[in-house]
N, C-alpha and C. Protein backbone atom coordinates (compact mmCIF):
# COMPACT_ATOMS: atom_id res chain seq x y z
N MET A 1 -0.29 -0.52 -7.64
CA MET A 1 0.33 -0.93 -6.40
C MET A 1 -0.20 -2.32 -6.01
N PRO A 2 0.65 -3.21 -5.52
CA PRO A 2 0.21 -4.55 -5.15
C PRO A 2 -0.68 -4.52 -3.90
N GLU A 3 -1.49 -5.54 -3.77
CA GLU A 3 -2.35 -5.65 -2.59
C GLU A 3 -1.62 -6.34 -1.46
N ALA A 4 -2.00 -6.01 -0.26
CA ALA A 4 -1.41 -6.64 0.92
C ALA A 4 -1.91 -8.08 1.05
N ILE A 5 -1.06 -8.92 1.59
CA ILE A 5 -1.40 -10.31 1.89
C ILE A 5 -1.96 -10.37 3.30
N ILE A 6 -2.98 -11.15 3.52
CA ILE A 6 -3.54 -11.34 4.86
C ILE A 6 -2.55 -12.20 5.64
N ALA A 7 -1.94 -11.64 6.68
CA ALA A 7 -0.98 -12.37 7.49
C ALA A 7 -1.69 -13.26 8.51
N ALA A 8 -2.82 -12.79 9.05
CA ALA A 8 -3.62 -13.55 10.02
C ALA A 8 -5.00 -12.93 10.09
N ARG A 9 -5.97 -13.74 10.47
CA ARG A 9 -7.35 -13.25 10.59
C ARG A 9 -7.71 -12.97 12.05
N MET A 10 -6.73 -12.41 12.76
CA MET A 10 -6.92 -11.97 14.14
C MET A 10 -5.84 -10.95 14.44
N PRO A 11 -6.11 -10.03 15.36
CA PRO A 11 -5.10 -9.02 15.66
C PRO A 11 -3.96 -9.59 16.50
N ALA A 12 -2.84 -8.91 16.46
CA ALA A 12 -1.73 -9.19 17.37
C ALA A 12 -1.94 -8.26 18.56
N VAL A 13 -2.23 -8.82 19.71
CA VAL A 13 -2.45 -8.01 20.91
C VAL A 13 -1.16 -8.02 21.71
N LEU A 14 -0.53 -6.85 21.78
CA LEU A 14 0.80 -6.75 22.37
C LEU A 14 0.87 -5.59 23.35
N GLU A 15 1.63 -5.77 24.42
CA GLU A 15 1.91 -4.66 25.32
C GLU A 15 3.16 -3.98 24.80
N LEU A 16 3.02 -2.74 24.40
CA LEU A 16 4.13 -2.02 23.80
C LEU A 16 4.65 -0.94 24.73
N GLU A 17 5.96 -0.80 24.72
CA GLU A 17 6.64 0.26 25.45
C GLU A 17 6.65 1.51 24.57
N PRO A 18 6.76 2.69 25.16
CA PRO A 18 6.89 3.89 24.35
C PRO A 18 8.08 3.78 23.41
N GLY A 19 7.89 4.25 22.19
CA GLY A 19 8.96 4.20 21.20
C GLY A 19 8.41 4.19 19.79
N GLU A 20 9.31 3.97 18.85
CA GLU A 20 8.96 3.96 17.43
C GLU A 20 8.98 2.52 16.92
N TYR A 21 7.95 2.16 16.18
CA TYR A 21 7.82 0.83 15.61
C TYR A 21 7.46 0.98 14.14
N TRP A 22 7.74 -0.07 13.35
CA TRP A 22 7.37 -0.08 11.94
C TRP A 22 6.47 -1.27 11.69
N TRP A 23 5.20 -0.98 11.43
CA TRP A 23 4.17 -2.00 11.21
C TRP A 23 4.19 -2.46 9.75
N CYS A 24 4.16 -3.77 9.55
CA CYS A 24 4.16 -4.34 8.20
C CYS A 24 2.81 -4.07 7.54
N ALA A 25 2.83 -3.37 6.42
CA ALA A 25 1.61 -3.08 5.68
C ALA A 25 1.37 -4.05 4.53
N CYS A 26 2.42 -4.77 4.14
CA CYS A 26 2.29 -5.64 2.96
C CYS A 26 1.85 -7.06 3.30
N GLY A 27 2.03 -7.48 4.56
CA GLY A 27 1.65 -8.83 4.97
C GLY A 27 2.69 -9.88 4.69
N ARG A 28 3.83 -9.50 4.13
CA ARG A 28 4.86 -10.46 3.72
C ARG A 28 5.94 -10.69 4.78
N SER A 29 5.99 -9.88 5.80
CA SER A 29 7.03 -10.00 6.83
C SER A 29 6.92 -11.33 7.57
N ALA A 30 8.06 -11.92 7.86
CA ALA A 30 8.11 -13.15 8.66
C ALA A 30 8.07 -12.80 10.15
N ASN A 31 8.08 -11.52 10.48
CA ASN A 31 8.11 -11.05 11.87
C ASN A 31 6.84 -10.25 12.18
N GLN A 32 5.67 -10.73 11.78
CA GLN A 32 4.41 -10.01 11.98
C GLN A 32 4.20 -9.65 13.44
N PRO A 33 3.65 -8.50 13.74
CA PRO A 33 3.12 -7.50 12.82
C PRO A 33 4.17 -6.48 12.36
N TRP A 34 5.45 -6.76 12.66
CA TRP A 34 6.51 -5.80 12.37
C TRP A 34 7.14 -6.01 11.00
N CYS A 35 7.64 -4.94 10.45
CA CYS A 35 8.29 -4.97 9.14
C CYS A 35 9.66 -5.63 9.23
N ASP A 36 9.97 -6.46 8.25
CA ASP A 36 11.31 -7.05 8.14
C ASP A 36 11.97 -6.70 6.81
N GLY A 37 11.38 -5.76 6.07
CA GLY A 37 11.94 -5.33 4.79
C GLY A 37 11.40 -6.07 3.58
N SER A 38 10.50 -7.04 3.80
CA SER A 38 9.96 -7.82 2.68
C SER A 38 9.20 -6.96 1.67
N HIS A 39 8.71 -5.81 2.09
CA HIS A 39 7.95 -4.92 1.21
C HIS A 39 8.77 -4.40 0.05
N LYS A 40 10.06 -4.38 0.19
CA LYS A 40 10.93 -3.83 -0.86
C LYS A 40 10.78 -4.57 -2.18
N ALA A 41 10.47 -5.85 -2.11
CA ALA A 41 10.30 -6.66 -3.32
C ALA A 41 9.02 -6.35 -4.07
N VAL A 42 8.05 -5.71 -3.39
CA VAL A 42 6.74 -5.45 -4.02
C VAL A 42 6.39 -3.97 -4.11
N GLY A 43 7.26 -3.10 -3.65
CA GLY A 43 7.02 -1.66 -3.79
C GLY A 43 6.03 -1.07 -2.81
N MET A 44 5.87 -1.69 -1.66
CA MET A 44 5.00 -1.13 -0.63
C MET A 44 5.88 -0.56 0.48
N SER A 45 5.28 0.15 1.42
CA SER A 45 6.02 0.73 2.53
C SER A 45 5.36 0.40 3.86
N PRO A 46 6.15 0.23 4.92
CA PRO A 46 5.58 0.01 6.24
C PRO A 46 5.00 1.31 6.78
N ILE A 47 4.25 1.19 7.86
CA ILE A 47 3.65 2.36 8.52
C ILE A 47 4.35 2.58 9.85
N GLN A 48 4.80 3.81 10.05
CA GLN A 48 5.45 4.16 11.30
C GLN A 48 4.40 4.27 12.41
N LEU A 49 4.73 3.68 13.55
CA LEU A 49 3.85 3.71 14.71
C LEU A 49 4.66 4.28 15.87
N VAL A 50 4.22 5.41 16.41
CA VAL A 50 4.90 6.02 17.55
C VAL A 50 4.00 5.85 18.77
N ILE A 51 4.51 5.12 19.74
CA ILE A 51 3.76 4.83 20.97
C ILE A 51 4.27 5.75 22.07
N SER A 52 3.36 6.43 22.75
CA SER A 52 3.76 7.34 23.82
C SER A 52 3.37 6.82 25.21
N GLU A 53 2.52 5.79 25.23
CA GLU A 53 2.04 5.27 26.51
C GLU A 53 2.14 3.74 26.51
N LYS A 54 2.75 3.19 27.56
CA LYS A 54 2.84 1.74 27.68
C LYS A 54 1.46 1.18 27.98
N LYS A 55 0.97 0.31 27.08
CA LYS A 55 -0.30 -0.38 27.28
C LYS A 55 -0.45 -1.44 26.21
N ARG A 56 -1.55 -2.17 26.27
CA ARG A 56 -1.83 -3.21 25.27
C ARG A 56 -2.50 -2.58 24.05
N TYR A 57 -2.05 -3.00 22.89
CA TYR A 57 -2.59 -2.52 21.63
C TYR A 57 -2.97 -3.71 20.77
N ALA A 58 -4.06 -3.60 20.03
CA ALA A 58 -4.47 -4.63 19.07
C ALA A 58 -4.06 -4.14 17.69
N LEU A 59 -3.06 -4.81 17.11
CA LEU A 59 -2.53 -4.41 15.81
C LEU A 59 -3.08 -5.31 14.72
N CYS A 60 -3.52 -4.69 13.65
CA CYS A 60 -4.11 -5.41 12.52
C CYS A 60 -3.11 -6.36 11.87
N GLN A 61 -3.56 -7.56 11.59
CA GLN A 61 -2.73 -8.51 10.84
C GLN A 61 -3.40 -8.93 9.53
N CYS A 62 -4.67 -8.54 9.34
CA CYS A 62 -5.32 -8.87 8.07
C CYS A 62 -4.96 -7.83 7.01
N LYS A 63 -4.42 -6.71 7.44
CA LYS A 63 -3.95 -5.63 6.58
C LYS A 63 -5.08 -4.90 5.85
N GLN A 64 -6.32 -5.07 6.33
CA GLN A 64 -7.48 -4.46 5.68
C GLN A 64 -8.15 -3.39 6.55
N SER A 65 -7.67 -3.18 7.76
CA SER A 65 -8.28 -2.25 8.70
C SER A 65 -8.29 -0.82 8.17
N ALA A 66 -9.37 -0.10 8.44
CA ALA A 66 -9.44 1.32 8.08
C ALA A 66 -8.66 2.16 9.09
N LYS A 67 -8.27 1.56 10.21
CA LYS A 67 -7.53 2.27 11.26
C LYS A 67 -6.08 1.79 11.36
N ARG A 68 -5.53 1.36 10.24
CA ARG A 68 -4.17 0.80 10.24
C ARG A 68 -3.20 1.74 10.94
N PRO A 69 -2.37 1.23 11.79
CA PRO A 69 -2.02 -0.17 12.02
C PRO A 69 -2.89 -0.87 13.07
N PHE A 70 -3.89 -0.18 13.58
CA PHE A 70 -4.72 -0.76 14.64
C PHE A 70 -5.87 -1.58 14.06
N CYS A 71 -6.26 -2.60 14.78
CA CYS A 71 -7.36 -3.46 14.37
C CYS A 71 -8.69 -2.73 14.55
N ASP A 72 -9.58 -2.88 13.56
CA ASP A 72 -10.93 -2.32 13.67
C ASP A 72 -11.99 -3.40 13.51
N GLY A 73 -11.57 -4.67 13.54
CA GLY A 73 -12.50 -5.79 13.43
C GLY A 73 -12.79 -6.24 12.02
N THR A 74 -12.17 -5.65 11.02
CA THR A 74 -12.41 -6.01 9.64
C THR A 74 -12.14 -7.50 9.38
N HIS A 75 -11.18 -8.08 10.10
CA HIS A 75 -10.83 -9.50 9.90
C HIS A 75 -12.02 -10.43 10.08
N LYS A 76 -13.00 -10.03 10.85
CA LYS A 76 -14.20 -10.86 11.09
C LYS A 76 -15.06 -11.00 9.84
N GLN A 77 -14.87 -10.12 8.87
CA GLN A 77 -15.67 -10.13 7.65
C GLN A 77 -14.94 -10.76 6.45
N LEU A 78 -13.72 -11.23 6.67
CA LEU A 78 -12.94 -11.80 5.56
C LEU A 78 -13.18 -13.28 5.41
């Protein structure tokens, strides 16, 4: 399986409404942190994110977090 590309070395901090989102796991999306279908060319899949509470979330953009799709600070070590 191919490795994810680092999209950014900082999280995307966004206020999200309740709903379903698709987080880009491959790092190739032009619409970070969201999936735009770019993963299809490399055989990876996005991660479904279901939000039940409106609030601010820190979403991983380095694609290395152990808590994907959420940031765990791993980007600080890259």
